[in-house]
Amino acid sequence: MSRRRLFDRLAPEYDRHGPRFFERFARHLASALEVAPGLDVLDVATGAGAVTRALVDGGAEEERAVGVDLSVGMLRRAMGRGRGPGPLVARARAEALPFASGSFDRVACGFAVNLFDDPPSALAEARRLLRADGLLALTTWSARCPYFLWLSRALEAYRRGDSGPIPPPLVGEVGAGRDRELEELRDSLGDANFDGVEWRLVREPVAYVEVETWWRSLWSHCFRPPLEALPSAELPVFREAFEARFRAASDDRGVLHVDLEAWLVTARPGRAVA
């Protein structure tokens, strides 16, 4: 299944269950971009519109904010977000954006670079669209994100038939050092003629207050494909095993506390190539 079709299917339920962690990380992006009235801002792969809305809430004017995405379903979600007409949204590929060079002061991209068909070309497009004094900011999940590590370990244990407890990893255990993907991203930014690349870890603690909400959240994000790949007869068994993991890792009130960890990367356009 193509990523566009996947996100079209995810769109109705996307980020509607459990903590709205995309909104939290979107605020970090908006803060890093130092948005202000008078700036033209672009959100690439806007999805359900969390980053575009954060840019507007952070000071950008709605009429000067644009969100693009390849998924029509996600664009419908983005159009319905907010209190007024909202920012402009458009369907476009990140590798071929329909704007003139130097159209924007700020470009944002939340958790999508690794999903593009051609990430280097998408970064080159972002560079083309930025003005000389512009700024790019993006987020990408850390390969050592405690919550996703816990999910992966739980899935591996299920496949092995291991029903033993798997405590959620602690940030201090897994958060040190850089990811290989981050190094590759830094190199790609350099190849796309970006300078001054900086990165820092951003952590957000989240809590799932009940197992049903947590289970629905798995289906509303990119964990859905491995769930759909299970034989229908096996899914109830898998769910029972995974919910047992949830309860084993929860506190005395039945709340699962986990940490999300992502890289926040910023870069500025390099000198124009003659």
C-alpha atoms as a PDB file:
ATOM      1  CA  MET A   1       0.000   0.000   0.000  1.00  0.00           C
ATOM      2  CA  SER A   2       1.318   3.466  -0.898  1.00  0.00           C
ATOM      3  CA  ARG A   3       1.916   5.941   1.899  1.00  0.00           C
ATOM      4  CA  ARG A   4      -0.672   8.267   0.370  1.00  0.00           C
ATOM      5  CA  ARG A   5      -3.333   5.569   0.537  1.00  0.00           C
ATOM      6  CA  LEU A   6      -2.273   4.639   4.059  1.00  0.00           C
ATOM      7  CA  PHE A   7      -2.679   8.206   5.298  1.00  0.00           C
ATOM      8  CA  ASP A   8      -5.984   8.585   3.456  1.00  0.00           C
ATOM      9  CA  ARG A   9      -7.200   5.595   5.452  1.00  0.00           C
ATOM     10  CA  LEU A  10      -5.703   6.867   8.704  1.00  0.00           C
ATOM     11  CA  ALA A  11      -7.093  10.380   8.302  1.00  0.00           C
ATOM     12  CA  PRO A  12     -10.546  10.000   9.949  1.00  0.00           C
ATOM     13  CA  GLU A  13      -9.060   8.689  13.214  1.00  0.00           C
ATOM     14  CA  TYR A  14      -5.562  10.143  13.009  1.00  0.00           C
ATOM     15  CA  ASP A  15      -4.407  11.536  16.364  1.00  0.00           C
ATOM     16  CA  ARG A  16      -7.931  11.470  17.811  1.00  0.00           C
ATOM     17  CA  HIS A  17      -7.218   8.906  20.547  1.00  0.00           C
ATOM     18  CA  GLY A  18      -4.989   9.371  23.552  1.00  0.00           C
ATOM     19  CA  PRO A  19      -2.595  12.258  24.169  1.00  0.00           C
ATOM     20  CA  ARG A  20      -2.234  14.700  21.265  1.00  0.00           C
ATOM     21  CA  PHE A  21       1.524  14.400  21.118  1.00  0.00           C
ATOM     22  CA  PHE A  22       1.798  15.731  17.554  1.00  0.00           C
ATOM     23  CA  GLU A  23       0.402  19.044  18.803  1.00  0.00           C
ATOM     24  CA  ARG A  24       3.029  19.185  21.534  1.00  0.00           C
ATOM     25  CA  PHE A  25       5.924  18.632  19.154  1.00  0.00           C
ATOM     26  CA  ALA A  26       4.351  21.080  16.700  1.00  0.00           C
ATOM     27  CA  ARG A  27       4.689  23.809  19.313  1.00  0.00           C
ATOM     28  CA  HIS A  28       8.417  23.054  19.569  1.00  0.00           C
ATOM     29  CA  LEU A  29       8.699  23.490  15.800  1.00  0.00           C
ATOM     30  CA  ALA A  30       6.847  26.792  15.834  1.00  0.00           C
ATOM     31  CA  SER A  31       9.020  28.082  18.656  1.00  0.00           C
ATOM     32  CA  ALA A  32      12.223  27.095  16.849  1.00  0.00           C
ATOM     33  CA  LEU A  33      11.067  28.925  13.707  1.00  0.00           C
ATOM     34  CA  GLU A  34      10.409  32.158  15.618  1.00  0.00           C
ATOM     35  CA  VAL A  35       7.322  32.865  13.554  1.00  0.00           C
ATOM     36  CA  ALA A  36       5.933  36.383  13.567  1.00  0.00           C
ATOM     37  CA  PRO A  37       3.417  38.513  11.647  1.00  0.00           C
ATOM     38  CA  GLY A  38       4.610  39.410   8.168  1.00  0.00           C
ATOM     39  CA  LEU A  39       6.406  36.125   7.529  1.00  0.00           C
ATOM     40  CA  ASP A  40       5.358  33.663   4.838  1.00  0.00           C
ATOM     41  CA  VAL A  41       5.384  30.151   6.303  1.00  0.00           C
ATOM     42  CA  LEU A  42       5.047  26.706   4.745  1.00  0.00           C
ATOM     43  CA  ASP A  43       4.284  23.397   6.445  1.00  0.00           C
ATOM     44  CA  VAL A  44       5.354  20.441   4.278  1.00  0.00           C
ATOM     45  CA  ALA A  45       3.395  17.227   4.898  1.00  0.00           C
ATOM     46  CA  THR A  46       0.901  19.085   7.051  1.00  0.00           C
ATOM     47  CA  GLY A  47      -1.130  15.964   7.804  1.00  0.00           C
ATOM     48  CA  ALA A  48      -4.046  16.834  10.052  1.00  0.00           C
ATOM     49  CA  GLY A  49      -2.709  20.376  10.398  1.00  0.00           C
ATOM     50  CA  ALA A  50      -1.065  20.306  13.826  1.00  0.00           C
ATOM     51  CA  VAL A  51       2.077  22.155  12.721  1.00  0.00           C
ATOM     52  CA  THR A  52       0.253  24.692  10.553  1.00  0.00           C
ATOM     53  CA  ARG A  53      -2.051  25.523  13.453  1.00  0.00           C
ATOM     54  CA  ALA A  54       0.912  25.824  15.831  1.00  0.00           C
ATOM     55  CA  LEU A  55       2.576  28.252  13.419  1.00  0.00           C
ATOM     56  CA  VAL A  56      -0.534  30.426  13.375  1.00  0.00           C
ATOM     57  CA  ASP A  57      -0.969  30.203  17.128  1.00  0.00           C
ATOM     58  CA  GLY A  58       2.693  31.131  17.459  1.00  0.00           C
ATOM     59  CA  GLY A  59       2.309  34.388  15.558  1.00  0.00           C
ATOM     60  CA  ALA A  60       2.049  33.674  11.833  1.00  0.00           C
ATOM     61  CA  GLU A  61      -0.882  35.206   9.971  1.00  0.00           C
ATOM     62  CA  GLU A  62      -3.398  32.689   8.621  1.00  0.00           C
ATOM     63  CA  GLU A  63      -3.408  34.251   5.174  1.00  0.00           C
ATOM     64  CA  ARG A  64       0.392  33.861   4.972  1.00  0.00           C
ATOM     65  CA  ALA A  65       0.491  30.255   6.203  1.00  0.00           C
ATOM     66  CA  VAL A  66       0.307  27.322   3.779  1.00  0.00           C
ATOM     67  CA  GLY A  67       0.130  23.590   4.448  1.00  0.00           C
ATOM     68  CA  VAL A  68       0.750  20.963   1.764  1.00  0.00           C
ATOM     69  CA  ASP A  69       0.224  17.223   1.809  1.00  0.00           C
ATOM     70  CA  LEU A  70      -0.191  14.389  -0.682  1.00  0.00           C
ATOM     71  CA  SER A  71      -3.114  12.823   1.197  1.00  0.00           C
ATOM     72  CA  VAL A  72      -6.535  14.242   0.374  1.00  0.00           C
ATOM     73  CA  GLY A  73      -7.936  12.710   3.545  1.00  0.00           C
ATOM     74  CA  MET A  74      -5.366  14.505   5.675  1.00  0.00           C
ATOM     75  CA  LEU A  75      -5.941  17.789   3.877  1.00  0.00           C
ATOM     76  CA  ARG A  76      -9.644  17.550   4.717  1.00  0.00           C
ATOM     77  CA  ARG A  77      -8.673  17.157   8.361  1.00  0.00           C
ATOM     78  CA  ALA A  78      -6.331  20.147   8.143  1.00  0.00           C
ATOM     79  CA  MET A  79      -9.026  22.311   6.537  1.00  0.00           C
ATOM     80  CA  GLY A  80     -11.394  21.593   9.404  1.00  0.00           C
ATOM     81  CA  ARG A  81      -8.890  22.523  12.092  1.00  0.00           C
ATOM     82  CA  GLY A  82      -9.081  25.791  13.971  1.00  0.00           C
ATOM     83  CA  ARG A  83     -11.678  28.437  14.591  1.00  0.00           C
ATOM     84  CA  GLY A  84     -11.853  30.356  11.319  1.00  0.00           C
ATOM     85  CA  PRO A  85     -11.298  29.614   7.625  1.00  0.00           C
ATOM     86  CA  GLY A  86      -7.766  28.571   8.513  1.00  0.00           C
ATOM     87  CA  PRO A  87      -4.535  28.597   6.543  1.00  0.00           C
ATOM     88  CA  LEU A  88      -4.427  27.672   2.875  1.00  0.00           C
ATOM     89  CA  VAL A  89      -3.881  23.972   2.162  1.00  0.00           C
ATOM     90  CA  ALA A  90      -2.878  22.361  -1.125  1.00  0.00           C
ATOM     91  CA  ARG A  91      -2.186  18.881  -2.437  1.00  0.00           C
ATOM     92  CA  ALA A  92       1.424  18.507  -3.532  1.00  0.00           C
ATOM     93  CA  ARG A  93       4.438  16.235  -3.412  1.00  0.00           C
ATOM     94  CA  ALA A  94       7.261  17.379  -1.176  1.00  0.00           C
ATOM     95  CA  GLU A  95       9.692  16.756  -4.026  1.00  0.00           C
ATOM     96  CA  ALA A  96       7.840  19.067  -6.464  1.00  0.00           C
ATOM     97  CA  LEU A  97       6.146  21.931  -4.646  1.00  0.00           C
ATOM     98  CA  PRO A  98       4.057  24.338  -6.754  1.00  0.00           C
ATOM     99  CA  PHE A  99       5.583  27.602  -5.554  1.00  0.00           C
ATOM    100  CA  ALA A 100       8.104  30.031  -6.976  1.00  0.00           C
ATOM    101  CA  SER A 101      11.643  30.029  -5.644  1.00  0.00           C
ATOM    102  CA  GLY A 102      12.122  32.232  -2.595  1.00  0.00           C
ATOM    103  CA  SER A 103       8.428  32.277  -1.681  1.00  0.00           C
ATOM    104  CA  PHE A 104       8.770  31.609   2.048  1.00  0.00           C
ATOM    105  CA  ASP A 105      10.566  32.892   5.120  1.00  0.00           C
ATOM    106  CA  ARG A 106      10.003  29.723   7.128  1.00  0.00           C
ATOM    107  CA  VAL A 107       9.544  26.053   6.193  1.00  0.00           C
ATOM    108  CA  ALA A 108       8.463  23.399   8.676  1.00  0.00           C
ATOM    109  CA  CYS A 109       8.186  19.631   8.381  1.00  0.00           C
ATOM    110  CA  GLY A 110       6.966  17.478  11.230  1.00  0.00           C
ATOM    111  CA  PHE A 111       7.828  13.777  11.300  1.00  0.00           C
ATOM    112  CA  ALA A 112       7.695  13.253   7.560  1.00  0.00           C
ATOM    113  CA  VAL A 113      11.135  13.504   5.948  1.00  0.00           C
ATOM    114  CA  ASN A 114      11.742   9.770   6.303  1.00  0.00           C
ATOM    115  CA  LEU A 115       8.354   9.076   4.659  1.00  0.00           C
ATOM    116  CA  PHE A 116       9.061  10.960   1.436  1.00  0.00           C
ATOM    117  CA  ASP A 117       9.824   9.007  -1.728  1.00  0.00           C
ATOM    118  CA  ASP A 118      13.019  11.029  -2.208  1.00  0.00           C
ATOM    119  CA  PRO A 119      14.079  12.862   1.001  1.00  0.00           C
ATOM    120  CA  PRO A 120      17.129  14.620  -0.562  1.00  0.00           C
ATOM    121  CA  SER A 121      14.925  16.057  -3.324  1.00  0.00           C
ATOM    122  CA  ALA A 122      12.366  17.201  -0.755  1.00  0.00           C
ATOM    123  CA  LEU A 123      15.074  19.004   1.217  1.00  0.00           C
ATOM    124  CA  ALA A 124      16.354  20.604  -1.996  1.00  0.00           C
ATOM    125  CA  GLU A 125      12.819  21.857  -2.668  1.00  0.00           C
ATOM    126  CA  ALA A 126      12.656  23.368   0.820  1.00  0.00           C
ATOM    127  CA  ARG A 127      15.954  25.145   0.138  1.00  0.00           C
ATOM    128  CA  ARG A 128      14.646  26.438  -3.217  1.00  0.00           C
ATOM    129  CA  LEU A 129      11.553  27.901  -1.595  1.00  0.00           C
ATOM    130  CA  LEU A 130      13.333  29.640   1.271  1.00  0.00           C
ATOM    131  CA  ARG A 131      14.459  33.243   1.062  1.00  0.00           C
ATOM    132  CA  ALA A 132      18.098  34.017   1.772  1.00  0.00           C
ATOM    133  CA  ASP A 133      17.457  34.830   5.428  1.00  0.00           C
ATOM    134  CA  GLY A 134      14.938  32.016   5.868  1.00  0.00           C
ATOM    135  CA  LEU A 135      14.871  29.118   8.302  1.00  0.00           C
ATOM    136  CA  LEU A 136      13.970  25.440   8.068  1.00  0.00           C
ATOM    137  CA  ALA A 137      12.875  23.379  11.073  1.00  0.00           C
ATOM    138  CA  LEU A 138      11.863  19.749  11.153  1.00  0.00           C
ATOM    139  CA  THR A 139      11.268  16.953  13.617  1.00  0.00           C
ATOM    140  CA  THR A 140      12.120  13.294  13.223  1.00  0.00           C
ATOM    141  CA  TRP A 141      11.620  10.513  15.719  1.00  0.00           C
ATOM    142  CA  SER A 142      14.704   9.383  17.559  1.00  0.00           C
ATOM    143  CA  ALA A 143      15.572   5.777  16.775  1.00  0.00           C
ATOM    144  CA  ARG A 144      15.920   5.425  20.541  1.00  0.00           C
ATOM    145  CA  CYS A 145      12.524   6.888  21.419  1.00  0.00           C
ATOM    146  CA  PRO A 146      11.590   5.049  24.664  1.00  0.00           C
ATOM    147  CA  TYR A 147       7.938   4.474  23.765  1.00  0.00           C
ATOM    148  CA  PHE A 148       8.616   3.127  20.277  1.00  0.00           C
ATOM    149  CA  LEU A 149      11.386   0.933  21.625  1.00  0.00           C
ATOM    150  CA  TRP A 150       8.941  -0.491  24.129  1.00  0.00           C
ATOM    151  CA  LEU A 151       6.379  -1.178  21.395  1.00  0.00           C
ATOM    152  CA  SER A 152       9.028  -2.874  19.252  1.00  0.00           C
ATOM    153  CA  ARG A 153      10.223  -5.013  22.134  1.00  0.00           C
ATOM    154  CA  ALA A 154       6.655  -5.984  22.994  1.00  0.00           C
ATOM    155  CA  LEU A 155       5.990  -6.956  19.375  1.00  0.00           C
ATOM    156  CA  GLU A 156       9.194  -9.001  19.197  1.00  0.00           C
ATOM    157  CA  ALA A 157       8.338 -10.741  22.477  1.00  0.00           C
ATOM    158  CA  TYR A 158       4.888 -11.628  21.160  1.00  0.00           C
ATOM    159  CA  ARG A 159       6.408 -13.182  18.042  1.00  0.00           C
ATOM    160  CA  ARG A 160       8.769 -15.217  20.228  1.00  0.00           C
ATOM    161  CA  GLY A 161       5.914 -16.372  22.431  1.00  0.00           C
ATOM    162  CA  ASP A 162       7.472 -14.609  25.437  1.00  0.00           C
ATOM    163  CA  SER A 163       4.856 -13.340  27.890  1.00  0.00           C
ATOM    164  CA  GLY A 164       7.292 -11.923  30.443  1.00  0.00           C
ATOM    165  CA  PRO A 165       7.126  -8.263  31.562  1.00  0.00           C
ATOM    166  CA  ILE A 166       8.741  -5.555  29.441  1.00  0.00           C
ATOM    167  CA  PRO A 167       9.082  -2.297  31.410  1.00  0.00           C
ATOM    168  CA  PRO A 168       9.084   0.854  29.279  1.00  0.00           C
ATOM    169  CA  PRO A 169      12.689   1.980  28.636  1.00  0.00           C
ATOM    170  CA  LEU A 170      13.811   5.022  30.555  1.00  0.00           C
ATOM    171  CA  VAL A 171      15.028   8.125  28.747  1.00  0.00           C
ATOM    172  CA  GLY A 172      18.336   7.947  30.592  1.00  0.00           C
ATOM    173  CA  GLU A 173      18.906   4.408  29.372  1.00  0.00           C
ATOM    174  CA  VAL A 174      18.399   5.033  25.671  1.00  0.00           C
ATOM    175  CA  GLY A 175      18.619   8.752  24.993  1.00  0.00           C
ATOM    176  CA  ALA A 176      22.376   9.218  24.794  1.00  0.00           C
ATOM    177  CA  GLY A 177      24.224   9.657  21.536  1.00  0.00           C
ATOM    178  CA  ARG A 178      23.071  10.379  18.014  1.00  0.00           C
ATOM    179  CA  ASP A 179      21.026   8.267  15.629  1.00  0.00           C
ATOM    180  CA  ARG A 180      22.508   7.081  12.371  1.00  0.00           C
ATOM    181  CA  GLU A 181      19.422   8.541  10.658  1.00  0.00           C
ATOM    182  CA  LEU A 182      20.211  11.931  12.157  1.00  0.00           C
ATOM    183  CA  GLU A 183      23.718  11.851  10.719  1.00  0.00           C
ATOM    184  CA  GLU A 184      22.294  10.951   7.315  1.00  0.00           C
ATOM    185  CA  LEU A 185      19.827  13.822   7.588  1.00  0.00           C
ATOM    186  CA  ARG A 186      22.605  16.248   8.433  1.00  0.00           C
ATOM    187  CA  ASP A 187      24.533  15.122   5.367  1.00  0.00           C
ATOM    188  CA  SER A 188      21.436  15.453   3.177  1.00  0.00           C
ATOM    189  CA  LEU A 189      20.867  18.989   4.434  1.00  0.00           C
ATOM    190  CA  GLY A 190      24.431  19.866   3.497  1.00  0.00           C
ATOM    191  CA  ASP A 191      23.945  18.362   0.052  1.00  0.00           C
ATOM    192  CA  ALA A 192      20.792  20.480  -0.335  1.00  0.00           C
ATOM    193  CA  ASN A 193      22.848  23.637   0.355  1.00  0.00           C
ATOM    194  CA  PHE A 194      21.796  24.264   3.954  1.00  0.00           C
ATOM    195  CA  ASP A 195      24.223  25.729   6.487  1.00  0.00           C
ATOM    196  CA  GLY A 196      24.259  26.096  10.249  1.00  0.00           C
ATOM    197  CA  VAL A 197      22.546  22.780  10.902  1.00  0.00           C
ATOM    198  CA  GLU A 198      21.692  22.382  14.569  1.00  0.00           C
ATOM    199  CA  TRP A 199      19.823  19.662  16.410  1.00  0.00           C
ATOM    200  CA  ARG A 200      18.622  18.905  19.893  1.00  0.00           C
ATOM    201  CA  LEU A 201      16.566  16.231  21.565  1.00  0.00           C
ATOM    202  CA  VAL A 202      13.018  17.102  22.532  1.00  0.00           C
ATOM    203  CA  ARG A 203      11.211  14.864  25.015  1.00  0.00           C
ATOM    204  CA  GLU A 204       7.544  14.787  25.842  1.00  0.00           C
ATOM    205  CA  PRO A 205       6.111  12.572  28.604  1.00  0.00           C
ATOM    206  CA  VAL A 206       2.646  11.230  27.765  1.00  0.00           C
ATOM    207  CA  ALA A 207       0.114   9.162  29.654  1.00  0.00           C
ATOM    208  CA  TYR A 208      -2.501   6.711  28.437  1.00  0.00           C
ATOM    209  CA  VAL A 209      -5.225   6.596  31.063  1.00  0.00           C
ATOM    210  CA  GLU A 210      -6.992   3.477  29.818  1.00  0.00           C
ATOM    211  CA  VAL A 211      -6.109   0.455  27.736  1.00  0.00           C
ATOM    212  CA  GLU A 212      -8.961   0.924  25.223  1.00  0.00           C
ATOM    213  CA  THR A 213      -7.781   4.413  24.308  1.00  0.00           C
ATOM    214  CA  TRP A 214      -4.247   3.135  23.928  1.00  0.00           C
ATOM    215  CA  TRP A 215      -5.368   0.310  21.636  1.00  0.00           C
ATOM    216  CA  ARG A 216      -7.314   2.740  19.446  1.00  0.00           C
ATOM    217  CA  SER A 217      -4.315   5.044  19.270  1.00  0.00           C
ATOM    218  CA  LEU A 218      -2.224   2.204  17.810  1.00  0.00           C
ATOM    219  CA  TRP A 219      -4.737   1.879  14.977  1.00  0.00           C
ATOM    220  CA  SER A 220      -4.800   5.630  14.321  1.00  0.00           C
ATOM    221  CA  HIS A 221      -1.072   6.017  13.610  1.00  0.00           C
ATOM    222  CA  CYS A 222       1.626   4.239  11.609  1.00  0.00           C
ATOM    223  CA  PHE A 223       1.476   1.145  13.834  1.00  0.00           C
ATOM    224  CA  ARG A 224      -1.672   0.210  11.926  1.00  0.00           C
ATOM    225  CA  PRO A 225      -0.004  -1.684   9.025  1.00  0.00           C
ATOM    226  CA  PRO A 226       1.572  -4.385  11.241  1.00  0.00           C
ATOM    227  CA  LEU A 227      -1.781  -4.791  12.985  1.00  0.00           C
ATOM    228  CA  GLU A 228      -3.592  -5.169   9.678  1.00  0.00           C
ATOM    229  CA  ALA A 229      -0.992  -7.689   8.550  1.00  0.00           C
ATOM    230  CA  LEU A 230      -2.006 -10.104  11.304  1.00  0.00           C
ATOM    231  CA  PRO A 231      -4.458 -12.860  10.349  1.00  0.00           C
ATOM    232  CA  SER A 232      -7.948 -11.908  11.522  1.00  0.00           C
ATOM    233  CA  ALA A 233      -8.113 -14.968  13.769  1.00  0.00           C
ATOM    234  CA  GLU A 234      -4.844 -13.974  15.433  1.00  0.00           C
ATOM    235  CA  LEU A 235      -5.719 -10.338  16.114  1.00  0.00           C
ATOM    236  CA  PRO A 236      -7.758 -10.993  19.321  1.00  0.00           C
ATOM    237  CA  VAL A 237      -4.878 -13.072  20.700  1.00  0.00           C
ATOM    238  CA  PHE A 238      -2.408 -10.336  19.835  1.00  0.00           C
ATOM    239  CA  ARG A 239      -4.625  -7.692  21.421  1.00  0.00           C
ATOM    240  CA  GLU A 240      -4.953  -9.682  24.636  1.00  0.00           C
ATOM    241  CA  ALA A 241      -1.183 -10.114  24.818  1.00  0.00           C
ATOM    242  CA  PHE A 242      -0.497  -6.445  24.102  1.00  0.00           C
ATOM    243  CA  GLU A 243      -3.077  -5.245  26.606  1.00  0.00           C
ATOM    244  CA  ALA A 244      -1.434  -7.468  29.190  1.00  0.00           C
ATOM    245  CA  ARG A 245       1.814  -5.611  28.441  1.00  0.00           C
ATOM    246  CA  PHE A 246       0.003  -2.325  28.958  1.00  0.00           C
ATOM    247  CA  ARG A 247      -1.327  -3.365  32.358  1.00  0.00           C
ATOM    248  CA  ALA A 248       2.001  -4.794  33.472  1.00  0.00           C
ATOM    249  CA  ALA A 249       3.767  -1.504  32.685  1.00  0.00           C
ATOM    250  CA  SER A 250       1.056   0.759  34.133  1.00  0.00           C
ATOM    251  CA  ASP A 251       1.091   2.429  37.536  1.00  0.00           C
ATOM    252  CA  ASP A 252      -1.191   1.611  40.470  1.00  0.00           C
ATOM    253  CA  ARG A 253      -4.029   3.607  38.866  1.00  0.00           C
ATOM    254  CA  GLY A 254      -3.759   1.730  35.581  1.00  0.00           C
ATOM    255  CA  VAL A 255      -2.104   4.636  33.735  1.00  0.00           C
ATOM    256  CA  LEU A 256       0.712   3.936  31.281  1.00  0.00           C
ATOM    257  CA  HIS A 257       3.423   6.612  31.414  1.00  0.00           C
ATOM    258  CA  VAL A 258       5.849   6.727  28.487  1.00  0.00           C
ATOM    259  CA  ASP A 259       8.341   9.170  27.036  1.00  0.00           C
ATOM    260  CA  LEU A 260       8.442  10.290  23.428  1.00  0.00           C
ATOM    261  CA  GLU A 261      11.752  11.510  22.081  1.00  0.00           C
ATOM    262  CA  ALA A 262      12.452  13.297  18.814  1.00  0.00           C
ATOM    263  CA  TRP A 263      15.165  15.327  17.156  1.00  0.00           C
ATOM    264  CA  LEU A 264      14.397  18.965  16.422  1.00  0.00           C
ATOM    265  CA  VAL A 265      16.615  20.067  13.545  1.00  0.00           C
ATOM    266  CA  THR A 266      17.064  23.607  12.216  1.00  0.00           C
ATOM    267  CA  ALA A 267      19.061  24.855   9.232  1.00  0.00           C
ATOM    268  CA  ARG A 268      19.515  28.032   7.207  1.00  0.00           C
ATOM    269  CA  PRO A 269      19.963  28.390   3.443  1.00  0.00           C
ATOM    270  CA  GLY A 270      23.531  28.325   2.246  1.00  0.00           C
ATOM    271  CA  ARG A 271      24.881  30.737  -0.289  1.00  0.00           C
ATOM    272  CA  ALA A 272      23.149  30.687  -3.637  1.00  0.00           C
ATOM    273  CA  VAL A 273      24.945  28.573  -6.206  1.00  0.00           C
ATOM    274  CA  ALA A 274      25.728  30.484  -9.392  1.00  0.00           C
END
